[in-house]
Amino acid sequence: MNDYSLFYLQAIAMEAAGVPNQPTEEAGITDEIIKKLQEKATVLTQERKKRGRTVPEDLMDQESLKGFKTLASHPGLHSASVPGILSLDIHSEDTSKILTGGNDKNATVFNKDTEQIIAVLKGHTKKVTRVIYHPNEDVVITGSPDTTIRVWNVGGSNPLSQIIRAHEGSVTGVSLHPTGDYVLSTSADQNWAFSDIRTGKLLTKVSSQTSNNTLTTGQFHPDGLIFGTGTSDSNVVIWDLKEQSNVATFSGHSGPITAISFSENGYYLATSADDCCVKLWDLRKLKNFKTLVMDDGYEIKDLCFDQSGTYLGVAGTDVRVYMCKQWQELKVFNDHTALATGIRFGKHSQFIASTSMDRTLKLYGL
């Protein structure tokens, strides 16, 4: 039996016995990894410059998007006895594949075209609050308050590929690095971590450096050399991955940060908190240039730019889409009967998906 098999069996035995998960030792970010990160960032930056401000020809135009209607509502992806879908993602190449994380401790992979469940991924011991669908592979990453991040091969007979034990507290955010090989995680244990999804190894873990300040969410910048984390004390912190240092702090929200999203254009960041507003930040000037103020009591649970950086989606009390640059509201969907928890755009914004505590996945389009 190899070392990995032994480790895996020990982990399963510990979990079954209710033994707390102990974070693994840090392996470190090697020069080889740093070179890989830099090379990827260079390629992505060049591609962005080449694209310039052009948008894909097939991008759904704003007038058409205003005409979107509810095309489907799927209530059967998660348990009815423990209702609520908490997280959402879509495979960026094959957008028929939709991933959801539930209050029922499961992650579900669903094909929207055939309307069939492809896989139900079981193993977390608490709810699944964060999910990622790998953009190039049939690989899924999930995070949970059970302190673990899990990596799954959707098509495999034994889908669980890795259990990453980077944290001592609830996992509050996960974000895949653009290389597709590493995951950023944030936690209530006040640390962010950078781990290898292929080996399950924790590479580095860094404290948020302020007392009693939990991290609530995290996301990589599209180039992958910097990332943002949200905090329970209203701040959004920008980090340099290589230096593992805080390079900027955005303050202005009140209440814990609930969501952050970087635009694919590379210089817009959208953030939300328990203060009924979305703030837009310019990463070149390091300042807040626009605030979208919602009605009193409006809750925001998720933010997402489309792949072209043309639209911004907001999920919470309802589901909304804004036109970037003008920052005007294009469409509001009021179909969910409970709080919306996730929003994602299909390829070229040809459709929009949302999830909710009402346990439905809803699809909108023409």
Protein backbone atom coordinates (compact mmCIF):
# COMPACT_ATOMS: atom_id res chain seq x y z
CA MET A 1 0.00 0.00 0.00
CA ASN A 2 1.46 3.41 -0.93
CA ASP A 3 1.68 6.41 1.41
CA TYR A 4 -1.23 8.18 -0.21
CA SER A 5 -3.55 5.18 0.17
CA LEU A 6 -2.56 4.89 3.82
CA PHE A 7 -3.16 8.61 4.41
CA TYR A 8 -6.52 8.41 2.67
CA LEU A 9 -7.68 5.44 4.74
CA GLN A 10 -6.51 7.09 7.95
CA ALA A 11 -8.43 10.24 7.01
CA ILE A 12 -11.61 8.24 6.40
CA ALA A 13 -11.17 6.37 9.69
CA MET A 14 -10.61 9.61 11.59
CA GLU A 15 -13.70 11.16 10.05
CA ALA A 16 -15.83 8.11 10.84
CA ALA A 17 -14.62 8.21 14.43
CA GLY A 18 -15.42 11.89 14.72
CA VAL A 19 -11.77 12.87 15.19
CA PRO A 20 -11.25 16.58 14.42
CA ASN A 21 -9.52 17.30 11.12
CA GLN A 22 -5.92 18.30 11.71
CA PRO A 23 -4.49 20.66 9.07
CA THR A 24 -1.58 19.17 7.17
CA GLU A 25 1.98 20.52 7.17
CA GLU A 26 2.80 23.29 4.70
CA ALA A 27 4.84 22.09 1.73
CA GLY A 28 5.78 25.63 0.64
CA ILE A 29 5.48 27.51 -2.66
CA THR A 30 8.60 26.47 -4.58
CA ASP A 31 10.46 28.54 -7.18
CA GLU A 32 9.10 26.13 -9.78
CA ILE A 33 5.51 26.90 -8.74
CA ILE A 34 6.19 30.66 -8.72
CA LYS A 35 7.61 30.42 -12.24
CA LYS A 36 4.49 28.55 -13.35
CA LEU A 37 2.23 31.21 -11.80
CA GLN A 38 4.17 34.05 -13.44
CA GLU A 39 4.19 32.40 -16.86
CA LYS A 40 0.42 31.87 -16.71
CA ALA A 41 -0.16 35.49 -15.65
CA THR A 42 1.99 36.75 -18.55
CA VAL A 43 0.00 34.72 -21.08
CA LEU A 44 -3.35 35.86 -19.65
CA THR A 45 -2.32 39.53 -19.56
CA GLN A 46 -1.17 39.37 -23.19
CA GLU A 47 -4.44 37.70 -24.22
CA ARG A 48 -6.44 40.41 -22.47
CA LYS A 49 -4.47 43.19 -24.19
CA LYS A 50 -4.99 41.45 -27.53
CA ARG A 51 -8.75 41.28 -26.96
CA GLY A 52 -8.81 44.93 -25.95
CA ARG A 53 -12.33 46.16 -25.46
CA THR A 54 -13.89 43.89 -28.02
CA VAL A 55 -16.64 41.61 -26.80
CA PRO A 56 -17.50 38.21 -28.30
CA GLU A 57 -19.76 38.37 -31.36
CA ASP A 58 -22.11 35.87 -29.75
CA LEU A 59 -22.50 37.89 -26.54
CA MET A 60 -26.15 38.41 -25.60
CA ASP A 61 -26.90 42.11 -26.13
CA GLN A 62 -28.49 44.16 -23.38
CA GLU A 63 -31.86 44.60 -25.09
CA SER A 64 -32.19 40.84 -25.53
CA LEU A 65 -31.11 40.23 -21.94
CA LYS A 66 -33.88 42.56 -20.76
CA GLY A 67 -36.29 40.11 -22.39
CA PHE A 68 -35.02 37.07 -20.46
CA LYS A 69 -37.73 34.92 -18.90
CA THR A 70 -37.66 31.94 -16.56
CA LEU A 71 -37.08 28.89 -18.78
CA ALA A 72 -36.87 26.18 -16.10
CA SER A 73 -37.05 25.60 -12.37
CA HIS A 74 -35.50 22.47 -10.87
CA PRO A 75 -36.41 21.65 -7.25
CA GLY A 76 -35.11 18.07 -7.15
CA LEU A 77 -31.33 18.52 -6.96
CA HIS A 78 -31.06 18.42 -3.17
CA SER A 79 -32.91 17.01 -0.18
CA ALA A 80 -36.40 18.29 0.55
CA SER A 81 -36.03 17.46 4.23
CA VAL A 82 -32.92 19.67 4.60
CA PRO A 83 -33.85 22.34 2.07
CA GLY A 84 -31.64 24.98 0.53
CA ILE A 85 -29.04 25.31 -2.23
CA LEU A 86 -26.13 27.37 -0.93
CA SER A 87 -23.69 27.61 -3.84
CA LEU A 88 -23.53 27.46 -7.63
CA ASP A 89 -21.06 27.17 -10.48
CA ILE A 90 -21.16 26.32 -14.20
CA HIS A 91 -18.56 24.51 -16.34
CA SER A 92 -17.26 27.40 -18.45
CA GLU A 93 -16.68 25.33 -21.61
CA ASP A 94 -19.57 22.88 -21.40
CA THR A 95 -22.24 25.13 -19.91
CA SER A 96 -24.81 22.34 -19.90
CA LYS A 97 -23.08 21.17 -16.70
CA ILE A 98 -24.19 22.95 -13.55
CA LEU A 99 -22.84 22.36 -10.04
CA THR A 100 -24.69 23.09 -6.81
CA GLY A 101 -23.84 22.74 -3.13
CA GLY A 102 -26.57 22.07 -0.60
CA ASN A 103 -27.65 22.29 2.99
CA ASP A 104 -27.96 18.49 2.74
CA LYS A 105 -24.10 18.12 2.77
CA ASN A 106 -24.05 17.08 -0.90
CA ALA A 107 -22.81 18.61 -4.14
CA THR A 108 -24.86 17.83 -7.25
CA VAL A 109 -23.78 17.92 -10.89
CA PHE A 110 -26.75 18.53 -13.20
CA ASN A 111 -27.10 18.59 -16.99
CA LYS A 112 -29.47 21.41 -17.86
CA ASP A 113 -29.99 20.19 -21.44
CA THR A 114 -31.01 16.63 -20.59
CA GLU A 115 -32.42 17.73 -17.21
CA GLN A 116 -30.65 14.77 -15.60
CA ILE A 117 -28.52 14.58 -12.46
CA ILE A 118 -25.03 13.41 -13.51
CA ALA A 119 -23.59 12.89 -10.03
CA VAL A 120 -24.36 13.40 -6.36
CA LEU A 121 -21.09 13.91 -4.48
CA LYS A 122 -21.38 12.74 -0.86
CA GLY A 123 -18.75 12.97 1.85
CA HIS A 124 -18.85 16.34 3.57
CA THR A 125 -20.08 16.09 7.15
CA LYS A 126 -21.65 19.56 7.08
CA LYS A 127 -23.37 21.71 4.44
CA VAL A 128 -21.59 22.53 1.17
CA THR A 129 -21.24 26.30 1.05
CA ARG A 130 -18.71 26.73 -1.79
CA VAL A 131 -18.39 24.96 -5.14
CA ILE A 132 -16.15 25.31 -8.20
CA TYR A 133 -16.45 23.54 -11.55
CA HIS A 134 -12.99 23.21 -13.14
CA PRO A 135 -13.08 25.12 -16.46
CA ASN A 136 -11.19 22.50 -18.50
CA GLU A 137 -11.90 19.19 -16.79
CA ASP A 138 -14.72 17.18 -15.24
CA VAL A 139 -13.34 18.08 -11.83
CA VAL A 140 -15.25 19.72 -9.00
CA ILE A 141 -14.00 21.44 -5.83
CA THR A 142 -16.17 21.89 -2.75
CA GLY A 143 -15.77 23.67 0.58
CA SER A 144 -17.68 23.24 3.82
CA PRO A 145 -17.90 24.29 7.47
CA ASP A 146 -16.58 20.76 8.18
CA THR A 147 -13.15 22.45 7.63
CA THR A 148 -12.29 20.45 4.48
CA ILE A 149 -11.94 21.20 0.80
CA ARG A 150 -12.68 18.22 -1.41
CA VAL A 151 -11.66 17.55 -5.00
CA TRP A 152 -13.86 15.22 -7.06
CA ASN A 153 -13.58 13.54 -10.47
CA VAL A 154 -17.16 13.66 -11.71
CA GLY A 155 -16.88 10.76 -14.14
CA GLY A 156 -14.97 8.44 -11.85
CA SER A 157 -16.34 5.30 -10.20
CA ASN A 158 -14.87 6.59 -6.92
CA PRO A 159 -15.29 10.33 -7.44
CA LEU A 160 -13.46 11.62 -4.34
CA SER A 161 -9.95 12.51 -5.49
CA GLN A 162 -8.46 14.57 -2.64
CA ILE A 163 -9.35 15.88 0.79
CA ILE A 164 -7.43 19.10 1.49
CA ARG A 165 -7.08 19.76 5.22
CA ALA A 166 -5.82 23.32 5.31
CA HIS A 167 -8.00 24.81 8.04
CA GLU A 168 -9.14 24.44 11.63
CA GLY A 169 -12.36 26.41 11.10
CA SER A 170 -15.19 26.57 8.57
CA VAL A 171 -14.10 26.96 4.95
CA THR A 172 -15.74 30.22 3.84
CA GLY A 173 -14.34 30.64 0.33
CA VAL A 174 -12.67 28.69 -2.47
CA SER A 175 -11.23 29.97 -5.75
CA LEU A 176 -9.38 28.08 -8.47
CA HIS A 177 -6.10 29.52 -9.73
CA PRO A 178 -6.03 30.17 -13.52
CA THR A 179 -3.46 27.38 -13.97
CA GLY A 180 -6.23 24.99 -12.91
CA ASP A 181 -3.84 23.27 -10.48
CA TYR A 182 -4.19 25.21 -7.24
CA VAL A 183 -6.98 26.38 -4.97
CA LEU A 184 -7.22 29.40 -2.69
CA SER A 185 -9.30 28.90 0.43
CA THR A 186 -10.43 31.24 3.20
CA SER A 187 -11.62 30.26 6.62
CA ALA A 188 -13.23 31.31 9.86
CA ASP A 189 -9.87 30.31 11.42
CA GLN A 190 -8.61 33.74 10.19
CA ASN A 191 -6.27 32.18 7.59
CA TRP A 192 -6.13 31.90 3.85
CA ALA A 193 -4.46 28.88 2.28
CA PHE A 194 -3.03 27.91 -1.11
CA SER A 195 -3.16 24.20 -1.92
CA ASP A 196 -2.40 21.80 -4.78
CA ILE A 197 -5.59 20.13 -6.06
CA ARG A 198 -3.61 17.34 -7.77
CA THR A 199 -1.83 16.13 -4.64
CA GLY A 200 -4.09 17.53 -1.92
CA LYS A 201 -1.04 19.20 -0.35
CA LEU A 202 -1.29 22.46 1.57
CA LEU A 203 1.43 24.69 0.11
CA THR A 204 1.11 27.73 2.37
CA LYS A 205 -1.21 29.20 4.97
CA VAL A 206 -1.20 32.84 6.05
CA SER A 207 -2.96 34.60 8.92
CA SER A 208 -5.22 37.55 8.12
CA GLN A 209 -3.10 39.40 10.71
CA THR A 210 -5.89 41.05 12.68
CA SER A 211 -7.36 39.73 15.89
CA ASN A 212 -10.82 38.17 15.94
CA ASN A 213 -11.22 38.84 12.24
CA THR A 214 -12.54 35.87 10.29
CA LEU A 215 -12.22 35.65 6.52
CA THR A 216 -15.63 35.40 4.87
CA THR A 217 -14.78 34.87 1.20
CA GLY A 218 -11.91 34.88 -1.30
CA GLN A 219 -11.30 35.06 -5.03
CA PHE A 220 -8.35 35.13 -7.40
CA HIS A 221 -7.83 38.02 -9.78
CA PRO A 222 -8.12 36.71 -13.38
CA ASP A 223 -4.31 36.73 -13.75
CA GLY A 224 -3.77 34.76 -10.54
CA LEU A 225 -0.91 36.76 -9.01
CA ILE A 226 -3.14 38.68 -6.62
CA PHE A 227 -6.40 37.80 -4.90
CA GLY A 228 -8.98 39.36 -2.63
CA THR A 229 -10.38 38.25 0.71
CA GLY A 230 -13.41 39.56 2.55
CA THR A 231 -13.39 39.98 6.31
CA SER A 232 -15.95 39.92 9.09
CA ASP A 233 -14.99 43.51 10.00
CA SER A 234 -16.11 45.03 6.67
CA ASN A 235 -12.80 45.13 4.80
CA VAL A 236 -11.69 43.70 1.48
CA VAL A 237 -7.99 42.87 1.50
CA ILE A 238 -5.90 42.43 -1.66
CA TRP A 239 -2.97 40.02 -1.35
CA ASP A 240 0.15 39.33 -3.41
CA LEU A 241 0.36 35.55 -3.72
CA LYS A 242 4.13 35.29 -4.28
CA GLU A 243 5.03 37.62 -1.42
CA GLN A 244 2.11 36.36 0.70
CA SER A 245 1.58 39.97 1.75
CA ASN A 246 -1.29 42.43 2.02
CA VAL A 247 -0.88 45.02 -0.77
CA ALA A 248 -4.15 46.99 -0.41
CA THR A 249 -7.16 47.24 1.88
CA PHE A 250 -10.53 48.55 0.75
CA SER A 251 -12.73 49.89 3.53
CA GLY A 252 -16.14 51.50 3.24
CA HIS A 253 -18.62 48.69 3.77
CA SER A 254 -20.34 48.08 7.09
CA GLY A 255 -20.95 44.54 8.28
CA PRO A 256 -19.21 41.33 7.19
CA ILE A 257 -18.25 41.05 3.50
CA THR A 258 -20.63 38.58 1.82
CA ALA A 259 -19.21 38.31 -1.72
CA ILE A 260 -16.46 39.57 -4.01
CA SER A 261 -15.98 39.20 -7.77
CA PHE A 262 -13.18 40.33 -10.08
CA SER A 263 -14.07 41.32 -13.62
CA GLU A 264 -12.34 39.54 -16.48
CA ASN A 265 -11.18 42.99 -17.66
CA GLY A 266 -8.64 42.82 -14.85
CA TYR A 267 -9.30 46.11 -13.11
CA TYR A 268 -12.85 46.08 -11.68
CA LEU A 269 -13.71 44.45 -8.38
CA ALA A 270 -17.29 44.17 -7.07
CA THR A 271 -17.92 43.65 -3.35
CA SER A 272 -20.94 43.31 -1.08
CA ALA A 273 -21.60 43.22 2.65
CA ASP A 274 -24.47 43.22 5.12
CA ASP A 275 -25.12 46.87 4.24
CA CYS A 276 -27.54 46.61 1.28
CA CYS A 277 -25.05 47.80 -1.33
CA VAL A 278 -22.55 46.69 -3.96
CA LYS A 279 -19.32 48.65 -4.22
CA LEU A 280 -17.21 48.81 -7.38
CA TRP A 281 -13.47 49.35 -7.03
CA ASP A 282 -10.85 50.35 -9.60
CA LEU A 283 -7.74 48.26 -8.99
CA ARG A 284 -5.57 50.71 -10.96
CA LYS A 285 -6.49 53.65 -8.72
CA LEU A 286 -7.26 51.56 -5.63
CA LYS A 287 -10.50 53.40 -4.98
CA ASN A 288 -14.26 52.95 -4.85
CA PHE A 289 -15.74 54.63 -7.93
CA LYS A 290 -19.38 53.50 -7.75
CA THR A 291 -21.83 52.21 -5.15
CA LEU A 292 -25.06 50.45 -6.12
CA VAL A 293 -27.47 51.10 -3.26
CA MET A 294 -30.30 48.59 -2.77
CA ASP A 295 -33.49 48.96 -0.74
CA ASP A 296 -33.29 48.80 3.05
CA GLY A 297 -33.11 45.21 4.23
CA TYR A 298 -31.86 43.93 0.85
CA GLU A 299 -29.50 40.98 1.37
CA ILE A 300 -26.68 40.10 -1.04
CA LYS A 301 -25.27 36.56 -1.05
CA ASP A 302 -23.40 36.32 -4.38
CA LEU A 303 -21.84 38.50 -7.08
CA CYS A 304 -20.61 37.43 -10.50
CA PHE A 305 -19.31 39.20 -13.61
CA ASP A 306 -19.93 37.46 -16.92
CA GLN A 307 -16.85 36.23 -18.81
CA SER A 308 -16.71 39.31 -21.04
CA GLY A 309 -16.94 41.78 -18.15
CA THR A 310 -20.07 43.31 -19.71
CA TYR A 311 -22.61 42.31 -17.06
CA LEU A 312 -22.67 42.01 -13.27
CA GLY A 313 -25.06 39.61 -11.57
CA VAL A 314 -26.34 40.01 -8.00
CA ALA A 315 -28.12 37.28 -6.01
CA GLY A 316 -29.85 37.78 -2.68
CA THR A 317 -33.28 39.16 -1.91
CA ASP A 318 -33.85 38.79 -5.67
CA VAL A 319 -31.69 38.16 -8.75
CA ARG A 320 -30.45 41.22 -10.66
CA VAL A 321 -28.30 41.98 -13.68
CA TYR A 322 -26.46 45.26 -14.19
CA MET A 323 -24.79 46.68 -17.29
CA CYS A 324 -21.15 47.42 -16.47
CA LYS A 325 -19.61 50.85 -17.18
CA GLN A 326 -23.04 52.53 -17.03
CA TRP A 327 -23.88 50.41 -13.94
CA GLN A 328 -27.56 50.50 -14.82
CA GLU A 329 -30.01 47.82 -13.75
CA LEU A 330 -31.10 45.76 -16.76
CA LYS A 331 -33.24 43.02 -15.28
CA VAL A 332 -34.71 41.81 -11.98
CA PHE A 333 -35.95 38.23 -11.50
CA ASN A 334 -38.33 37.74 -8.58
CA ASP A 335 -39.14 34.05 -9.08
CA HIS A 336 -37.42 32.60 -6.02
CA THR A 337 -39.59 32.25 -2.93
CA ALA A 338 -36.61 32.51 -0.55
CA LEU A 339 -33.17 34.12 -0.55
CA ALA A 340 -31.14 33.62 -3.75
CA THR A 341 -27.68 32.27 -2.94
CA GLY A 342 -25.90 32.00 -6.29
CA ILE A 343 -25.81 33.51 -9.78
CA ARG A 344 -23.76 32.52 -12.84
CA PHE A 345 -23.80 33.42 -16.54
CA GLY A 346 -23.77 30.85 -19.31
CA LYS A 347 -21.29 31.16 -22.19
CA HIS A 348 -21.65 34.57 -23.86
CA SER A 349 -24.48 35.24 -21.36
CA GLN A 350 -26.85 33.17 -23.49
CA PHE A 351 -28.53 32.13 -20.25
CA ILE A 352 -28.37 32.91 -16.53
CA ALA A 353 -28.63 30.44 -13.64
CA SER A 354 -29.54 31.11 -10.02
CA THR A 355 -29.97 29.04 -6.86
CA SER A 356 -31.92 29.67 -3.70
CA MET A 357 -32.83 28.59 -0.21
CA ASP A 358 -36.17 27.61 -1.81
CA ARG A 359 -34.14 24.58 -3.05
CA THR A 360 -34.53 25.41 -6.74
CA LEU A 361 -32.07 25.97 -9.55
CA LYS A 362 -33.65 28.42 -12.00
CA LEU A 363 -32.58 29.09 -15.58
CA TYR A 364 -33.34 32.31 -17.45
CA GLY A 365 -33.06 33.07 -21.16
CA LEU A 366 -35.00 33.86 -24.33
